[in-house]
């Protein structure tokens, strides 16, 4: 596997943890939001945390910070 950056395979794309927390709270998932706030870094790598985001039913593309500029 190559570490080269390409449009199809960026090395890292991040979203702000606060956006994840806000989304979870808007769904009434306060305990999960608290856990995310405690356990995840301020900028969450969506590739490294893909399974967690899927379990939380969070679509990174729908969150404004998931643009690869972080």
PDB file of N, CA and C in Angstrom:
ATOM      1  N   UNK A   1       0.847  -1.173   0.000  1.00  0.00           N
ATOM      2  CA  UNK A   1       0.000   0.000   0.000  1.00  0.00           C
ATOM      3  C   UNK A   1       0.893   1.236   0.000  1.00  0.00           C
ATOM      4  N   UNK A   2       0.598   2.180  -0.821  1.00  0.00           N
ATOM      5  CA  UNK A   2       1.391   3.389  -0.967  1.00  0.00           C
ATOM      6  C   UNK A   2       0.896   4.479  -0.035  1.00  0.00           C
ATOM      7  N   UNK A   3       1.826   5.332   0.410  1.00  0.00           N
ATOM      8  CA  UNK A   3       1.457   6.469   1.244  1.00  0.00           C
ATOM      9  C   UNK A   3       1.253   7.725   0.421  1.00  0.00           C
ATOM     10  N   UNK A   4       1.221   7.607  -0.892  1.00  0.00           N
ATOM     11  CA  UNK A   4       1.039   8.769  -1.745  1.00  0.00           C
ATOM     12  C   UNK A   4      -0.381   9.304  -1.620  1.00  0.00           C
ATOM     13  N   UNK A   5      -0.478  10.629  -1.720  1.00  0.00           N
ATOM     14  CA  UNK A   5      -1.784  11.272  -1.679  1.00  0.00           C
ATOM     15  C   UNK A   5      -2.364  11.291  -3.083  1.00  0.00           C
ATOM     16  N   UNK A   6      -3.612  10.889  -3.195  1.00  0.00           N
ATOM     17  CA  UNK A   6      -4.321  10.973  -4.460  1.00  0.00           C
ATOM     18  C   UNK A   6      -5.746  11.401  -4.153  1.00  0.00           C
ATOM     19  N   UNK A   7      -6.469  11.920  -5.136  1.00  0.00           N
ATOM     20  CA  UNK A   7      -7.855  12.326  -4.873  1.00  0.00           C
ATOM     21  C   UNK A   7      -8.724  11.185  -4.357  1.00  0.00           C
ATOM     22  N   UNK A   8      -8.431   9.960  -4.786  1.00  0.00           N
ATOM     23  CA  UNK A   8      -9.237   8.817  -4.368  1.00  0.00           C
ATOM     24  C   UNK A   8      -8.817   8.249  -3.017  1.00  0.00           C
ATOM     25  N   UNK A   9      -7.569   8.490  -2.613  1.00  0.00           N
ATOM     26  CA  UNK A   9      -7.046   7.914  -1.379  1.00  0.00           C
ATOM     27  C   UNK A   9      -6.230   8.939  -0.600  1.00  0.00           C
ATOM     28  N   UNK A  10      -6.875   9.936   0.000  1.00  0.00           N
ATOM     29  CA  UNK A  10      -6.112  10.886   0.807  1.00  0.00           C
ATOM     30  C   UNK A  10      -5.532  10.179   2.023  1.00  0.00           C
ATOM     31  N   UNK A  11      -4.410  10.671   2.538  1.00  0.00           N
ATOM     32  CA  UNK A  11      -3.794  10.005   3.684  1.00  0.00           C
ATOM     33  C   UNK A  11      -4.574  10.236   4.964  1.00  0.00           C
ATOM     34  N   UNK A  12      -5.178  11.393   5.119  1.00  0.00           N
ATOM     35  CA  UNK A  12      -5.975  11.645   6.321  1.00  0.00           C
ATOM     36  C   UNK A  12      -6.978  12.754   6.052  1.00  0.00           C
ATOM     37  N   UNK A  13      -8.175  12.537   6.480  1.00  0.00           N
ATOM     38  CA  UNK A  13      -9.219  13.553   6.429  1.00  0.00           C
ATOM     39  C   UNK A  13      -9.773  13.625   7.843  1.00  0.00           C
ATOM     40  N   UNK A  14      -9.918  14.826   8.331  1.00  0.00           N
ATOM     41  CA  UNK A  14     -10.331  15.005   9.716  1.00  0.00           C
ATOM     42  C   UNK A  14     -11.639  15.768   9.825  1.00  0.00           C
ATOM     43  N   UNK A  15     -12.363  15.473  10.887  1.00  0.00           N
ATOM     44  CA  UNK A  15     -13.537  16.265  11.246  1.00  0.00           C
ATOM     45  C   UNK A  15     -13.377  16.681  12.702  1.00  0.00           C
ATOM     46  N   UNK A  16     -13.941  17.792  13.014  1.00  0.00           N
ATOM     47  CA  UNK A  16     -13.860  18.336  14.363  1.00  0.00           C
ATOM     48  C   UNK A  16     -14.691  17.490  15.320  1.00  0.00           C
ATOM     49  N   UNK A  17     -14.076  17.081  16.408  1.00  0.00           N
ATOM     50  CA  UNK A  17     -14.782  16.282  17.419  1.00  0.00           C
ATOM     51  C   UNK A  17     -16.050  16.995  17.893  1.00  0.00           C
ATOM     52  N   UNK A  18     -15.996  18.314  18.020  1.00  0.00           N
ATOM     53  CA  UNK A  18     -17.159  19.078  18.493  1.00  0.00           C
ATOM     54  C   UNK A  18     -18.357  18.904  17.569  1.00  0.00           C
ATOM     55  N   UNK A  19     -18.108  18.743  16.267  1.00  0.00           N
ATOM     56  CA  UNK A  19     -19.218  18.528  15.332  1.00  0.00           C
ATOM     57  C   UNK A  19     -19.865  17.163  15.552  1.00  0.00           C
ATOM     58  N   UNK A  20     -19.043  16.163  15.842  1.00  0.00           N
ATOM     59  CA  UNK A  20     -19.573  14.829  16.130  1.00  0.00           C
ATOM     60  C   UNK A  20     -20.402  14.877  17.410  1.00  0.00           C
ATOM     61  N   UNK A  21     -19.846  15.527  18.434  1.00  0.00           N
ATOM     62  CA  UNK A  21     -20.541  15.641  19.718  1.00  0.00           C
ATOM     63  C   UNK A  21     -21.879  16.357  19.539  1.00  0.00           C
ATOM     64  N   UNK A  22     -21.880  17.457  18.802  1.00  0.00           N
ATOM     65  CA  UNK A  22     -23.117  18.220  18.583  1.00  0.00           C
ATOM     66  C   UNK A  22     -24.159  17.377  17.852  1.00  0.00           C
ATOM     67  N   UNK A  23     -23.718  16.612  16.852  1.00  0.00           N
ATOM     68  CA  UNK A  23     -24.646  15.766  16.109  1.00  0.00           C
ATOM     69  C   UNK A  23     -25.254  14.700  17.018  1.00  0.00           C
ATOM     70  N   UNK A  24     -24.416  14.063  17.829  1.00  0.00           N
ATOM     71  CA  UNK A  24     -24.924  13.043  18.748  1.00  0.00           C
ATOM     72  C   UNK A  24     -25.901  13.647  19.755  1.00  0.00           C
ATOM     73  N   UNK A  25     -25.577  14.814  20.274  1.00  0.00           N
ATOM     74  CA  UNK A  25     -26.479  15.468  21.240  1.00  0.00           C
ATOM     75  C   UNK A  25     -27.814  15.823  20.578  1.00  0.00           C
ATOM     76  N   UNK A  26     -27.765  16.240  19.310  1.00  0.00           N
ATOM     77  CA  UNK A  26     -29.009  16.588  18.612  1.00  0.00           C
ATOM     78  C   UNK A  26     -29.905  15.369  18.429  1.00  0.00           C
ATOM     79  N   UNK A  27     -29.309  14.185  18.487  1.00  0.00           N
ATOM     80  CA  UNK A  27     -30.068  12.931  18.385  1.00  0.00           C
ATOM     81  C   UNK A  27     -30.476  12.394  19.756  1.00  0.00           C
ATOM     82  N   UNK A  28     -30.135  13.128  20.814  1.00  0.00           N
ATOM     83  CA  UNK A  28     -30.451  12.668  22.160  1.00  0.00           C
ATOM     84  C   UNK A  28     -29.503  11.598  22.673  1.00  0.00           C
ATOM     85  N   UNK A  29     -28.339  11.474  22.063  1.00  0.00           N
ATOM     86  CA  UNK A  29     -27.359  10.456  22.436  1.00  0.00           C
ATOM     87  C   UNK A  29     -26.288  11.081  23.333  1.00  0.00           C
ATOM     88  N   UNK A  30     -26.716  11.618  24.474  1.00  0.00           N
ATOM     89  CA  UNK A  30     -25.818  12.368  25.348  1.00  0.00           C
ATOM     90  C   UNK A  30     -24.679  11.531  25.927  1.00  0.00           C
ATOM     91  N   UNK A  31     -24.952  10.299  26.328  1.00  0.00           N
ATOM     92  CA  UNK A  31     -23.893   9.457  26.891  1.00  0.00           C
ATOM     93  C   UNK A  31     -22.828   9.147  25.850  1.00  0.00           C
ATOM     94  N   UNK A  32     -23.236   8.868  24.640  1.00  0.00           N
ATOM     95  CA  UNK A  32     -22.254   8.615  23.577  1.00  0.00           C
ATOM     96  C   UNK A  32     -21.489   9.887  23.239  1.00  0.00           C
ATOM     97  N   UNK A  33     -22.188  11.016  23.247  1.00  0.00           N
ATOM     98  CA  UNK A  33     -21.525  12.294  22.991  1.00  0.00           C
ATOM     99  C   UNK A  33     -20.475  12.568  24.059  1.00  0.00           C
ATOM    100  N   UNK A  34     -20.795  12.292  25.316  1.00  0.00           N
ATOM    101  CA  UNK A  34     -19.833  12.475  26.405  1.00  0.00           C
ATOM    102  C   UNK A  34     -18.616  11.586  26.196  1.00  0.00           C
ATOM    103  N   UNK A  35     -18.841  10.334  25.795  1.00  0.00           N
ATOM    104  CA  UNK A  35     -17.733   9.403  25.560  1.00  0.00           C
ATOM    105  C   UNK A  35     -16.838   9.909  24.436  1.00  0.00           C
ATOM    106  N   UNK A  36     -17.440  10.325  23.322  1.00  0.00           N
ATOM    107  CA  UNK A  36     -16.674  10.855  22.190  1.00  0.00           C
ATOM    108  C   UNK A  36     -15.858  12.059  22.638  1.00  0.00           C
ATOM    109  N   UNK A  37     -16.463  12.937  23.415  1.00  0.00           N
ATOM    110  CA  UNK A  37     -15.786  14.145  23.886  1.00  0.00           C
ATOM    111  C   UNK A  37     -14.584  13.807  24.764  1.00  0.00           C
ATOM    112  N   UNK A  38     -14.689  12.745  25.562  1.00  0.00           N
ATOM    113  CA  UNK A  38     -13.585  12.326  26.439  1.00  0.00           C
ATOM    114  C   UNK A  38     -12.500  11.565  25.695  1.00  0.00           C
ATOM    115  N   UNK A  39     -12.891  10.697  24.763  1.00  0.00           N
ATOM    116  CA  UNK A  39     -11.961   9.713  24.217  1.00  0.00           C
ATOM    117  C   UNK A  39     -11.305  10.067  22.883  1.00  0.00           C
ATOM    118  N   UNK A  40     -11.952  10.873  22.078  1.00  0.00           N
ATOM    119  CA  UNK A  40     -11.397  11.161  20.756  1.00  0.00           C
ATOM    120  C   UNK A  40     -10.620  12.470  20.760  1.00  0.00           C
ATOM    121  N   UNK A  41      -9.626  12.576  19.871  1.00  0.00           N
ATOM    122  CA  UNK A  41      -8.866  13.829  19.783  1.00  0.00           C
ATOM    123  C   UNK A  41      -9.718  14.945  19.186  1.00  0.00           C
ATOM    124  N   UNK A  42      -9.242  16.182  19.318  1.00  0.00           N
ATOM    125  CA  UNK A  42      -9.983  17.348  18.815  1.00  0.00           C
ATOM    126  C   UNK A  42     -10.266  17.234  17.325  1.00  0.00           C
ATOM    127  N   UNK A  43      -9.313  16.700  16.571  1.00  0.00           N
ATOM    128  CA  UNK A  43      -9.516  16.424  15.148  1.00  0.00           C
ATOM    129  C   UNK A  43      -9.537  14.914  14.966  1.00  0.00           C
ATOM    130  N   UNK A  44     -10.638  14.400  14.486  1.00  0.00           N
ATOM    131  CA  UNK A  44     -10.844  12.958  14.362  1.00  0.00           C
ATOM    132  C   UNK A  44     -10.529  12.519  12.939  1.00  0.00           C
ATOM    133  N   UNK A  45      -9.603  11.580  12.806  1.00  0.00           N
ATOM    134  CA  UNK A  45      -9.245  11.007  11.509  1.00  0.00           C
ATOM    135  C   UNK A  45     -10.367  10.054  11.098  1.00  0.00           C
ATOM    136  N   UNK A  46     -11.067  10.401  10.026  1.00  0.00           N
ATOM    137  CA  UNK A  46     -12.233   9.587   9.657  1.00  0.00           C
ATOM    138  C   UNK A  46     -11.847   8.230   9.090  1.00  0.00           C
ATOM    139  N   UNK A  47     -10.645   8.109   8.542  1.00  0.00           N
ATOM    140  CA  UNK A  47     -10.228   6.795   8.040  1.00  0.00           C
ATOM    141  C   UNK A  47      -9.887   5.866   9.191  1.00  0.00           C
ATOM    142  N   UNK A  48      -9.173   6.385  10.191  1.00  0.00           N
ATOM    143  CA  UNK A  48      -8.781   5.560  11.331  1.00  0.00           C
ATOM    144  C   UNK A  48      -9.980   5.205  12.213  1.00  0.00           C
ATOM    145  N   UNK A  49     -11.015   6.028  12.187  1.00  0.00           N
ATOM    146  CA  UNK A  49     -12.191   5.831  13.040  1.00  0.00           C
ATOM    147  C   UNK A  49     -13.438   5.496  12.234  1.00  0.00           C
ATOM    148  N   UNK A  50     -13.246   4.938  11.055  1.00  0.00           N
ATOM    149  CA  UNK A  50     -14.359   4.640  10.152  1.00  0.00           C
ATOM    150  C   UNK A  50     -15.410   3.734  10.791  1.00  0.00           C
ATOM    151  N   UNK A  51     -14.977   2.681  11.460  1.00  0.00           N
ATOM    152  CA  UNK A  51     -15.928   1.742  12.061  1.00  0.00           C
ATOM    153  C   UNK A  51     -16.729   2.406  13.183  1.00  0.00           C
ATOM    154  N   UNK A  52     -16.063   3.215  13.989  1.00  0.00           N
ATOM    155  CA  UNK A  52     -16.757   3.917  15.067  1.00  0.00           C
ATOM    156  C   UNK A  52     -17.796   4.877  14.507  1.00  0.00           C
ATOM    157  N   UNK A  53     -17.419   5.641  13.496  1.00  0.00           N
ATOM    158  CA  UNK A  53     -18.360   6.586  12.891  1.00  0.00           C
ATOM    159  C   UNK A  53     -19.547   5.848  12.278  1.00  0.00           C
ATOM    160  N   UNK A  54     -19.285   4.713  11.663  1.00  0.00           N
ATOM    161  CA  UNK A  54     -20.367   3.913  11.077  1.00  0.00           C
ATOM    162  C   UNK A  54     -21.305   3.408  12.175  1.00  0.00           C
ATOM    163  N   UNK A  55     -20.726   2.947  13.294  1.00  0.00           N
ATOM    164  CA  UNK A  55     -21.544   2.465  14.406  1.00  0.00           C
ATOM    165  C   UNK A  55     -22.427   3.588  14.961  1.00  0.00           C
ATOM    166  N   UNK A  56     -21.904   4.804  14.981  1.00  0.00           N
ATOM    167  CA  UNK A  56     -22.658   5.948  15.479  1.00  0.00           C
ATOM    168  C   UNK A  56     -23.594   6.528  14.421  1.00  0.00           C
ATOM    169  N   UNK A  57     -23.574   5.916  13.240  1.00  0.00           N
ATOM    170  CA  UNK A  57     -24.388   6.368  12.101  1.00  0.00           C
ATOM    171  C   UNK A  57     -24.102   7.821  11.744  1.00  0.00           C
ATOM    172  N   UNK A  58     -22.796   8.113  11.658  1.00  0.00           N
ATOM    173  CA  UNK A  58     -22.346   9.447  11.276  1.00  0.00           C
ATOM    174  C   UNK A  58     -21.728   9.357   9.897  1.00  0.00           C
ATOM    175  N   UNK A  59     -22.237  10.155   8.985  1.00  0.00           N
ATOM    176  CA  UNK A  59     -21.706  10.233   7.630  1.00  0.00           C
ATOM    177  C   UNK A  59     -20.727  11.403   7.586  1.00  0.00           C
ATOM    178  N   UNK A  60     -19.416  11.124   7.539  1.00  0.00           N
ATOM    179  CA  UNK A  60     -18.435  12.209   7.538  1.00  0.00           C
ATOM    180  C   UNK A  60     -18.636  13.207   6.405  1.00  0.00           C
ATOM    181  N   UNK A  61     -19.126  12.750   5.273  1.00  0.00           N
ATOM    182  CA  UNK A  61     -19.346  13.651   4.136  1.00  0.00           C
ATOM    183  C   UNK A  61     -20.433  14.678   4.435  1.00  0.00           C
ATOM    184  N   UNK A  62     -21.323  14.358   5.358  1.00  0.00           N
ATOM    185  CA  UNK A  62     -22.411  15.274   5.700  1.00  0.00           C
ATOM    186  C   UNK A  62     -21.988  16.316   6.731  1.00  0.00           C
ATOM    187  N   UNK A  63     -20.801  16.126   7.324  1.00  0.00           N
ATOM    188  CA  UNK A  63     -20.300  17.082   8.315  1.00  0.00           C
ATOM    189  C   UNK A  63     -19.388  18.065   7.607  1.00  0.00           C
ATOM    190  N   UNK A  64     -19.596  19.326   7.853  1.00  0.00           N
ATOM    191  CA  UNK A  64     -18.905  20.387   7.113  1.00  0.00           C
ATOM    192  C   UNK A  64     -17.392  20.324   7.203  1.00  0.00           C
ATOM    193  N   UNK A  65     -16.822  19.814   8.292  1.00  0.00           N
ATOM    194  CA  UNK A  65     -15.374  19.809   8.447  1.00  0.00           C
ATOM    195  C   UNK A  65     -14.675  18.682   7.719  1.00  0.00           C
ATOM    196  N   UNK A  66     -15.395  17.779   7.093  1.00  0.00           N
ATOM    197  CA  UNK A  66     -14.781  16.614   6.451  1.00  0.00           C
ATOM    198  C   UNK A  66     -14.362  16.941   5.030  1.00  0.00           C
ATOM    199  N   UNK A  67     -13.455  17.893   4.913  1.00  0.00           N
ATOM    200  CA  UNK A  67     -13.045  18.320   3.581  1.00  0.00           C
ATOM    201  C   UNK A  67     -11.567  18.111   3.313  1.00  0.00           C
ATOM    202  N   UNK A  68     -10.838  17.555   4.268  1.00  0.00           N
ATOM    203  CA  UNK A  68      -9.437  17.267   4.053  1.00  0.00           C
ATOM    204  C   UNK A  68      -8.515  18.447   4.236  1.00  0.00           C
ATOM    205  N   UNK A  69      -9.021  19.597   4.657  1.00  0.00           N
ATOM    206  CA  UNK A  69      -8.170  20.764   4.794  1.00  0.00           C
ATOM    207  C   UNK A  69      -7.578  20.902   6.180  1.00  0.00           C
ATOM    208  N   UNK A  70      -7.899  20.015   7.099  1.00  0.00           N
ATOM    209  CA  UNK A  70      -7.385  20.118   8.467  1.00  0.00           C
ATOM    210  C   UNK A  70      -6.034  19.470   8.542  1.00  0.00           C
TER     211      UNK A  70
END
